[in-house]
Protein backbone atom coordinates (compact mmCIF):
# COMPACT_ATOMS: atom_id res chain seq x y z
CA MET A 1 -44.00 63.78 -78.59
CA ALA A 2 -43.16 60.62 -76.51
CA MET A 3 -46.46 58.88 -75.13
CA ASN A 4 -46.85 55.63 -73.35
CA LYS A 5 -49.77 53.32 -73.85
CA GLN A 6 -51.10 50.20 -72.16
CA ILE A 7 -51.90 47.11 -74.58
CA GLY A 8 -52.78 43.59 -74.06
CA ILE A 9 -49.98 41.04 -74.63
CA ASP A 10 -51.75 39.88 -77.91
CA GLU A 11 -51.43 43.33 -79.46
CA LEU A 12 -47.68 43.30 -78.80
CA LYS A 13 -45.57 43.08 -82.18
CA PRO A 14 -41.96 42.75 -82.98
CA GLY A 15 -40.45 46.21 -83.13
CA MET A 16 -42.41 47.75 -80.31
CA GLN A 17 -40.57 49.43 -77.43
CA VAL A 18 -41.70 47.91 -74.13
CA GLU A 19 -41.53 50.38 -71.18
CA ARG A 20 -43.09 48.29 -68.32
CA LEU A 21 -44.59 44.79 -67.71
CA ASP A 22 -47.39 43.99 -65.26
CA ARG A 23 -45.09 41.64 -63.34
CA SER A 24 -42.07 41.78 -61.42
CA TRP A 25 -38.89 41.04 -63.31
CA LEU A 26 -38.31 38.39 -60.65
CA ASP A 27 -41.04 36.39 -62.37
CA THR A 28 -39.68 36.68 -66.01
CA PRO A 29 -36.42 35.74 -67.73
CA PHE A 30 -35.63 39.22 -68.96
CA PHE A 31 -32.93 41.38 -67.40
CA ARG A 32 -34.70 44.65 -67.84
CA HIS A 33 -38.37 45.65 -68.57
CA LYS A 34 -37.33 48.46 -70.93
CA MET A 35 -36.64 46.43 -74.15
CA ARG A 36 -37.20 46.37 -77.87
CA ILE A 37 -39.24 43.44 -78.97
CA THR A 38 -37.11 41.72 -81.75
CA SER A 39 -38.99 38.35 -82.19
CA THR A 40 -42.35 36.44 -81.49
CA ALA A 41 -40.23 34.10 -79.37
CA GLN A 42 -39.85 37.04 -76.81
CA ILE A 43 -43.51 37.74 -76.83
CA ALA A 44 -44.33 33.90 -76.34
CA GLN A 45 -41.93 33.95 -73.25
CA LEU A 46 -43.55 36.98 -71.71
CA LYS A 47 -46.95 35.16 -72.23
CA ALA A 48 -45.47 32.00 -70.62
CA CYS A 49 -44.60 34.08 -67.52
CA GLY A 50 -48.06 35.24 -67.10
CA VAL A 51 -47.75 38.72 -68.50
CA ARG A 52 -51.20 40.02 -69.70
CA THR A 53 -50.52 43.69 -70.28
CA VAL A 54 -47.52 45.87 -71.31
CA VAL A 55 -46.74 49.55 -71.53
CA VAL A 56 -45.22 50.46 -74.78
CA ARG A 57 -43.85 53.65 -76.36
CA THR A 58 -45.91 54.93 -79.25
CA ASP A 59 -43.39 57.16 -81.13
CA GLY A 60 -40.02 57.13 -83.00
CA GLU A 61 -38.01 58.41 -79.86
CA ALA A 62 -37.97 54.81 -78.56
CA ALA A 63 -34.43 54.30 -79.15
CA GLU A 64 -33.67 57.36 -76.81
CA ALA A 65 -35.71 55.58 -74.18
CA GLY A 66 -33.22 53.34 -72.64
CA LYS A 67 -30.93 56.38 -71.75
CA THR A 68 -31.41 57.77 -68.32
CA GLU A 69 -30.30 61.03 -66.91
CA PRO A 70 -27.31 60.62 -64.42
CA PHE A 71 -28.48 61.22 -60.90
CA SER A 72 -27.06 63.96 -58.90
CA GLU A 73 -26.58 63.99 -54.98
CA PRO A 74 -29.40 65.62 -53.39
CA ASP A 75 -28.63 68.77 -51.64
CA ILE A 76 -30.18 68.07 -48.33
CA PRO A 77 -30.15 70.59 -45.66
CA THR A 78 -29.12 69.59 -42.08
CA ASP A 79 -32.27 69.53 -40.27
CA PRO A 80 -32.72 70.98 -36.69
CA VAL A 81 -33.15 68.40 -33.82
CA LEU A 82 -36.67 67.18 -33.80
CA THR A 83 -38.83 66.05 -30.91
CA GLU A 84 -41.34 63.29 -31.54
CA GLU A 85 -44.06 65.68 -32.00
CA GLU A 86 -42.39 67.92 -34.55
CA ALA A 87 -41.02 65.04 -36.65
CA PRO A 88 -42.10 65.28 -40.34
CA ALA A 89 -45.05 62.58 -40.95
CA SER A 90 -43.19 60.59 -43.57
CA VAL A 91 -45.00 59.83 -46.90
CA PRO A 92 -48.07 57.58 -46.05
CA PRO A 93 -47.56 54.02 -47.18
CA VAL A 94 -49.26 53.33 -50.52
CA VAL A 95 -49.68 49.57 -49.98
CA PRO A 96 -50.52 47.78 -46.77
CA PHE A 97 -47.52 46.05 -44.88
CA ASP A 98 -49.12 42.57 -45.16
CA GLU A 99 -49.76 43.02 -48.85
CA GLU A 100 -46.29 44.18 -49.65
CA LEU A 101 -44.41 41.55 -47.52
CA PRO A 102 -44.42 38.81 -50.11
CA ASP A 103 -42.93 41.08 -52.76
CA ALA A 104 -40.43 42.33 -50.30
CA ARG A 105 -39.47 38.77 -49.28
CA GLN A 106 -38.58 37.77 -52.88
CA ILE A 107 -36.58 41.05 -53.45
CA TYR A 108 -34.70 40.63 -50.28
CA HIS A 109 -33.52 37.17 -51.27
CA ALA A 110 -32.67 38.27 -54.86
CA ALA A 111 -30.56 41.19 -53.37
CA LYS A 112 -28.70 38.72 -51.25
CA THR A 113 -27.91 36.50 -54.34
CA ILE A 114 -26.85 39.44 -56.14
CA VAL A 115 -24.41 40.57 -53.30
CA GLN A 116 -23.05 37.08 -53.26
CA ASN A 117 -22.48 37.16 -56.94
CA ALA A 118 -20.83 40.61 -56.76
CA MET A 119 -18.54 39.46 -54.03
CA HIS A 120 -17.71 36.17 -55.83
CA ASP A 121 -16.81 38.26 -59.04
CA THR A 122 -14.68 40.64 -57.28
CA ARG A 123 -12.89 37.86 -55.59
CA LEU A 124 -11.99 36.32 -58.86
CA GLY A 125 -11.01 39.70 -60.35
CA ARG A 126 -14.07 39.97 -62.63
CA ALA A 127 -16.28 43.13 -62.99
CA ILE A 128 -19.46 43.46 -61.02
CA ASN A 129 -22.61 42.88 -63.01
CA MET A 130 -23.98 46.35 -62.55
CA GLU A 131 -27.12 45.58 -64.64
CA GLU A 132 -28.09 42.93 -61.90
CA VAL A 133 -27.20 45.48 -59.15
CA ASN A 134 -29.18 48.27 -60.69
CA ARG A 135 -32.20 46.03 -61.27
CA VAL A 136 -32.56 44.78 -57.79
CA ILE A 137 -32.06 48.28 -56.20
CA SER A 138 -34.88 49.61 -58.59
CA ASP A 139 -36.98 46.76 -57.09
CA MET A 140 -35.96 47.74 -53.59
CA THR A 141 -36.57 51.46 -54.15
CA ASP A 142 -40.13 50.61 -55.63
CA SER A 143 -40.96 48.49 -52.37
CA VAL A 144 -39.65 51.12 -50.02
CA LEU A 145 -41.75 53.61 -51.66
CA ARG A 146 -44.86 51.39 -51.64
CA ASN A 147 -44.35 50.65 -47.98
CA PRO A 148 -41.40 51.57 -46.06
CA ASP A 149 -41.68 48.93 -43.44
CA ALA A 150 -42.03 45.58 -45.26
CA LEU A 151 -38.38 45.34 -46.36
CA THR A 152 -37.28 46.89 -43.22
CA SER A 153 -38.82 44.27 -41.14
CA LEU A 154 -36.94 41.60 -43.00
CA THR A 155 -33.55 42.98 -42.04
CA ARG A 156 -33.80 40.86 -38.85
CA LEU A 157 -33.43 37.75 -40.88
CA LYS A 158 -29.70 37.33 -39.94
CA GLN A 159 -27.75 34.12 -40.41
CA PHE A 160 -24.47 34.03 -38.74
CA ASP A 161 -22.52 31.99 -41.44
CA GLU A 162 -23.47 34.53 -44.20
CA TYR A 163 -23.23 37.81 -42.25
CA THR A 164 -21.30 39.77 -44.89
CA PHE A 165 -24.12 39.09 -47.58
CA PHE A 166 -27.03 39.69 -45.17
CA HIS A 167 -25.36 42.73 -43.73
CA SER A 168 -24.83 44.33 -47.20
CA VAL A 169 -28.52 44.01 -47.94
CA ASN A 170 -29.65 45.11 -44.47
CA THR A 171 -27.54 48.23 -44.75
CA SER A 172 -28.84 49.11 -48.18
CA ILE A 173 -32.48 48.55 -46.99
CA LEU A 174 -32.12 50.75 -43.80
CA ALA A 175 -30.21 53.50 -45.78
CA MET A 176 -33.12 53.57 -48.33
CA SER A 177 -35.72 53.61 -45.65
CA LEU A 178 -33.93 56.50 -43.93
CA GLY A 179 -33.68 58.22 -47.32
CA ARG A 180 -37.40 57.87 -47.73
CA HIS A 181 -38.09 59.42 -44.40
CA ARG A 182 -35.86 62.25 -45.34
CA GLU A 183 -37.88 62.57 -48.55
CA PHE A 184 -35.22 61.74 -51.03
CA ASP A 185 -36.28 61.64 -54.64
CA ARG A 186 -36.18 58.19 -56.38
CA GLY A 187 -32.88 58.93 -58.12
CA ALA A 188 -31.19 59.68 -54.69
CA LEU A 189 -32.72 56.62 -53.17
CA HIS A 190 -31.37 54.52 -56.10
CA GLN A 191 -27.79 56.03 -55.56
CA ILE A 192 -27.70 55.38 -51.81
CA GLY A 193 -29.15 51.99 -52.35
CA VAL A 194 -26.35 50.95 -54.77
CA GLY A 195 -23.64 52.61 -52.75
CA THR A 196 -24.69 50.84 -49.62
CA LEU A 197 -25.44 47.58 -51.21
CA LEU A 198 -21.60 47.50 -52.23
CA HIS A 199 -20.25 49.34 -49.30
CA ASP A 200 -18.21 46.17 -48.11
CA ILE A 201 -17.15 45.03 -51.36
CA GLY A 202 -13.48 45.45 -50.37
CA LYS A 203 -13.85 42.70 -47.87
CA THR A 204 -13.18 40.16 -50.67
CA LYS A 205 -9.59 41.51 -50.69
CA ILE A 206 -8.95 40.87 -47.00
CA PRO A 207 -7.49 37.38 -46.13
CA SER A 208 -10.17 35.18 -44.87
CA GLU A 209 -8.44 34.20 -41.63
CA ILE A 210 -8.55 37.77 -40.48
CA LEU A 211 -12.01 38.59 -41.86
CA ASN A 212 -13.36 35.38 -39.95
CA LYS A 213 -11.15 35.69 -36.86
CA PRO A 214 -13.12 34.81 -33.67
CA GLY A 215 -12.02 37.26 -30.94
CA ARG A 216 -10.55 40.62 -31.03
CA PHE A 217 -8.04 41.75 -33.72
CA GLU A 218 -4.46 42.42 -32.81
CA PRO A 219 -3.13 45.93 -33.81
CA HIS A 220 -1.54 44.82 -37.04
CA GLU A 221 -4.71 42.64 -38.02
CA MET A 222 -6.93 45.70 -37.44
CA GLU A 223 -4.75 47.78 -39.96
CA ILE A 224 -5.20 45.07 -42.49
CA MET A 225 -9.08 44.88 -41.76
CA LYS A 226 -9.22 48.62 -42.16
CA GLN A 227 -7.88 48.32 -45.80
CA HIS A 228 -11.26 47.03 -46.84
CA VAL A 229 -12.39 50.56 -47.22
CA LEU A 230 -9.95 51.79 -49.80
CA ARG A 231 -9.74 48.49 -51.47
CA GLY A 232 -13.51 48.54 -52.02
CA VAL A 233 -13.48 51.97 -53.47
CA GLU A 234 -10.66 50.88 -55.79
CA VAL A 235 -12.76 47.90 -56.98
CA LEU A 236 -15.82 50.14 -57.57
CA THR A 237 -13.77 52.75 -59.33
CA THR A 238 -12.04 50.45 -61.69
CA THR A 239 -14.75 47.91 -62.45
CA THR A 240 -18.20 49.61 -62.33
CA GLY A 241 -17.90 53.14 -63.98
CA LEU A 242 -20.11 54.34 -60.94
CA GLY A 243 -19.64 58.25 -60.33
CA ASP A 244 -18.30 59.73 -57.02
CA VAL A 245 -21.57 60.07 -55.28
CA TYR A 246 -22.17 56.21 -55.47
CA LEU A 247 -18.76 55.57 -53.91
CA ARG A 248 -19.37 57.67 -50.74
CA PRO A 249 -20.85 54.97 -48.63
CA ALA A 250 -18.00 52.67 -49.39
CA LEU A 251 -15.45 55.34 -48.54
CA GLU A 252 -17.09 57.11 -45.50
CA HIS A 253 -19.11 54.34 -43.61
CA HIS A 254 -16.22 54.20 -40.93
CA GLU A 255 -15.63 57.94 -40.68
CA ARG A 256 -16.93 59.71 -37.75
CA VAL A 257 -18.16 63.34 -37.60
CA ASP A 258 -15.53 64.19 -34.85
CA GLY A 259 -12.80 62.86 -37.03
CA THR A 260 -11.91 59.69 -34.98
CA GLY A 261 -12.87 57.43 -37.99
CA TYR A 262 -10.89 55.83 -40.81
CA PRO A 263 -9.33 55.85 -43.41
CA HIS A 264 -9.00 59.60 -43.71
CA ARG A 265 -10.21 60.94 -40.36
CA ARG A 266 -12.49 63.33 -42.07
CA VAL A 267 -14.68 65.67 -40.05
CA ARG A 268 -18.41 66.56 -40.50
CA ASN A 269 -18.01 69.19 -43.10
CA GLU A 270 -15.82 66.96 -45.15
CA LEU A 271 -18.38 64.04 -45.30
CA SER A 272 -21.29 63.62 -47.48
CA GLN A 273 -24.83 63.02 -46.41
CA PHE A 274 -24.63 59.45 -47.78
CA GLY A 275 -21.56 58.79 -45.84
CA LEU A 276 -23.06 60.04 -42.65
CA MET A 277 -26.24 58.00 -43.17
CA ALA A 278 -24.21 54.87 -44.12
CA ALA A 279 -22.34 55.20 -40.76
CA VAL A 280 -25.46 55.05 -38.79
CA VAL A 281 -27.10 52.08 -40.53
CA ASP A 282 -24.02 50.12 -40.80
CA ILE A 283 -23.23 50.23 -36.95
CA TYR A 284 -26.91 49.42 -36.13
CA ASP A 285 -26.97 46.27 -38.32
CA ALA A 286 -23.55 45.12 -37.34
CA ILE A 287 -24.24 45.42 -33.59
CA THR A 288 -27.81 43.74 -33.95
CA SER A 289 -26.13 40.70 -35.54
CA ASP A 290 -24.46 37.61 -34.02
CA ARG A 291 -20.90 37.40 -34.86
CA CYS A 292 -18.16 34.91 -33.94
CA TYR A 293 -16.90 37.47 -31.37
CA HIS A 294 -20.16 38.86 -29.96
CA LYS A 295 -23.80 38.17 -29.39
CA GLY A 296 -26.18 40.59 -31.46
CA ARG A 297 -27.80 43.20 -29.28
CA ALA A 298 -31.44 43.63 -28.95
CA ALA A 299 -32.67 46.45 -31.41
CA HIS A 300 -33.76 48.87 -28.55
CA GLU A 301 -30.16 48.57 -27.00
CA ALA A 302 -28.58 49.18 -30.39
CA LEU A 303 -30.66 52.30 -30.79
CA GLN A 304 -29.55 53.63 -27.33
CA PHE A 305 -26.00 52.95 -28.24
CA LEU A 306 -26.50 54.94 -31.51
CA TYR A 307 -27.90 57.61 -29.50
CA ARG A 308 -25.02 57.67 -27.09
CA LEU A 309 -22.61 57.80 -30.12
CA GLY A 310 -24.45 60.71 -31.31
CA LEU A 311 -24.25 62.57 -28.17
CA GLU A 312 -20.53 61.73 -27.82
CA GLY A 313 -19.90 63.43 -31.21
CA HIS A 314 -19.30 60.39 -33.29
CA LEU A 315 -22.48 60.21 -35.46
CA ASP A 316 -24.88 62.78 -36.65
CA VAL A 317 -27.52 63.23 -33.86
CA THR A 318 -30.23 64.35 -36.15
CA LEU A 319 -29.79 61.32 -38.50
CA VAL A 320 -29.78 58.97 -35.44
CA GLN A 321 -33.15 60.53 -34.28
CA GLN A 322 -34.57 60.13 -37.84
CA PHE A 323 -33.27 56.60 -38.00
CA ILE A 324 -35.06 55.64 -34.70
CA HIS A 325 -38.13 57.03 -36.41
CA VAL A 326 -37.66 54.72 -39.25
CA VAL A 327 -37.11 51.45 -37.26
CA GLY A 328 -39.44 52.52 -34.41
CA VAL A 329 -39.15 52.74 -30.71
CA TYR A 330 -40.02 49.09 -30.54
CA PRO A 331 -38.59 47.83 -33.77
CA VAL A 332 -40.09 44.76 -35.43
CA GLY A 333 -39.03 41.49 -33.56
CA SER A 334 -38.84 43.14 -30.16
CA VAL A 335 -40.13 40.88 -27.40
CA VAL A 336 -42.22 43.02 -25.08
CA GLU A 337 -44.11 42.60 -21.79
CA LEU A 338 -47.64 44.24 -21.52
CA ASN A 339 -49.27 45.87 -18.41
CA THR A 340 -51.49 42.72 -18.26
CA GLY A 341 -48.29 40.48 -17.74
CA GLU A 342 -48.59 38.92 -21.23
CA THR A 343 -45.61 38.48 -23.54
CA GLY A 344 -45.73 39.61 -27.17
CA VAL A 345 -43.59 40.10 -30.28
CA VAL A 346 -43.71 43.37 -32.19
CA LYS A 347 -45.01 42.57 -35.75
CA GLU A 348 -45.57 46.00 -37.25
CA ILE A 349 -44.85 49.58 -36.21
CA HIS A 350 -47.01 52.76 -36.48
CA HIS A 351 -44.81 55.56 -37.28
CA HIS A 352 -47.38 58.24 -36.23
CA VAL A 353 -47.93 56.47 -32.76
CA PRO A 354 -44.68 54.86 -32.17
CA LEU A 355 -45.49 53.54 -28.63
CA THR A 356 -48.37 51.46 -29.80
CA PRO A 357 -47.29 48.82 -32.51
CA VAL A 358 -49.11 45.84 -33.73
CA VAL A 359 -48.10 42.88 -31.25
CA LEU A 360 -48.36 39.14 -31.63
CA LEU A 361 -49.38 37.98 -28.18
CA VAL A 362 -47.39 34.50 -27.73
CA LYS A 363 -47.41 34.03 -24.02
CA THR A 364 -50.23 34.49 -21.21
CA ALA A 365 -49.98 36.34 -18.04
CA GLY A 366 -49.21 32.93 -16.46
CA ASN A 367 -46.21 32.56 -18.68
CA THR A 368 -47.66 29.69 -20.78
CA PHE A 369 -47.28 29.72 -24.53
CA LEU A 370 -50.40 30.16 -26.57
CA SER A 371 -50.88 27.51 -29.28
CA ASN A 372 -52.30 30.16 -31.60
CA PRO A 373 -50.50 33.51 -31.08
CA ARG A 374 -53.08 36.36 -31.21
CA GLU A 375 -52.46 39.51 -33.27
CA LEU A 376 -53.30 42.66 -31.32
CA ASP A 377 -53.03 46.24 -32.85
CA LEU A 378 -52.29 48.42 -29.61
CA VAL A 379 -53.71 51.51 -31.59
CA ALA A 380 -57.08 50.08 -32.35
CA GLN A 381 -58.21 48.29 -28.90
CA ILE A 382 -61.74 47.64 -28.12
CA GLU A 383 -61.27 45.64 -24.89
CA THR A 384 -60.67 47.45 -21.70
CA PRO A 385 -58.33 47.95 -19.85
CA HIS A 386 -56.25 48.85 -22.84
CA ARG A 387 -52.98 46.94 -23.06
CA LYS A 388 -49.75 48.76 -23.33
CA ILE A 389 -46.17 47.86 -23.27
CA THR A 390 -44.35 48.20 -20.09
CA ALA A 391 -40.82 46.48 -20.70
CA ILE A 392 -38.68 45.12 -23.50
CA LEU A 393 -37.45 41.53 -22.62
CA ASP A 394 -34.41 39.51 -23.72
CA PRO A 395 -35.83 37.05 -26.17
CA LYS A 396 -33.39 34.38 -24.85
CA GLN A 397 -34.49 34.80 -21.16
CA ALA A 398 -37.99 34.94 -22.36
CA GLY A 399 -37.41 31.65 -24.34
CA ILE A 400 -38.69 33.22 -27.63
CA ASP A 401 -37.27 33.40 -31.05
CA PRO A 402 -39.05 36.06 -32.74
CA ILE A 403 -38.24 34.62 -36.25
CA ASP A 404 -40.54 31.58 -35.25
CA TYR A 405 -43.47 34.04 -35.12
CA LEU A 406 -42.53 36.55 -37.78
CA ASP A 407 -42.38 35.87 -41.31
CA LYS A 408 -42.01 32.14 -41.21
CA LYS A 409 -41.59 31.72 -45.05
CA ALA A 410 -38.70 34.09 -44.96
CA ALA A 411 -36.73 32.39 -42.28
């Protein structure tokens, strides 16, 4: 029977089947960590990258090990509308936020590079490197399962000039975080991750003067722009070998539950769970980003807007409510005023008590900037009176760029 065993790097010999390394693939030159060792040079490379232990298979079935079962789309019931008290406590984080953040940062930037590569290849008519895509999505899945908030907190790192790449990565992270909240298994998280990472690949087939046009589209330009959906599905179908379930985010992210979307004006019962989820996270990231034709909205405004779209019948209301649980009532990066008159930036959220996040105090009650911002967990306050959030401020009016305070290394 198949067995895995952990051994020291010095015990590794040619002919052995490696199942796992003790380091992230980002730190090694190897594409995949499941590999047959064919030479002592490979072992030397692993050592040079700092690998100390590996997990190997100990039987003759190693050749079969590389084969993975195809994932099937999860059969997810539509949940009843939940109030905050009834909401399912999502899986508790396994790793603390601050500990996961450095890994999340590396994975985030790797994902952005891989989206750029995929779009570049598609523009030139080359096939997408699916090994690269699957590898980074596996890492994103691991990160989201270790701690759902670290990668999600990085989705505010938006850069105006590279919107399409950042948007693809952010959409994928937000969809996977929503999937984790909905208790998707690993296979389903991987599927929705791949599908949403590539959901806008069809934009490579749209003329750049339309894609980057400042201001509103003329009706005929809008028709061309809408073609990115079917062009994207065509690219994915012809170059990736991905099954139907992976294509749903690309095909359905502009569909709406009331049939007012495009390209096929499908209604709720014709749409997949993946498509319904992709629609919610795609809109959220798009409207919180600065574009040439509009200023990004603050996160809490974007959530109010999504909620309204749900009530008006465009989006699935339950998914919107669950998404609010995922990003928090005061999403990371929100600029907030406290009952003391001080100003803070939300650094981390607590899903079980969404009104009391971790805040970095950046301005005194007298409106002067603190030279050393002070971290305050609103859940664990010793001083009285307890501070609480009384208002969300416009960062520009408050003269604060949240990225200056959050995750400086990533910005």
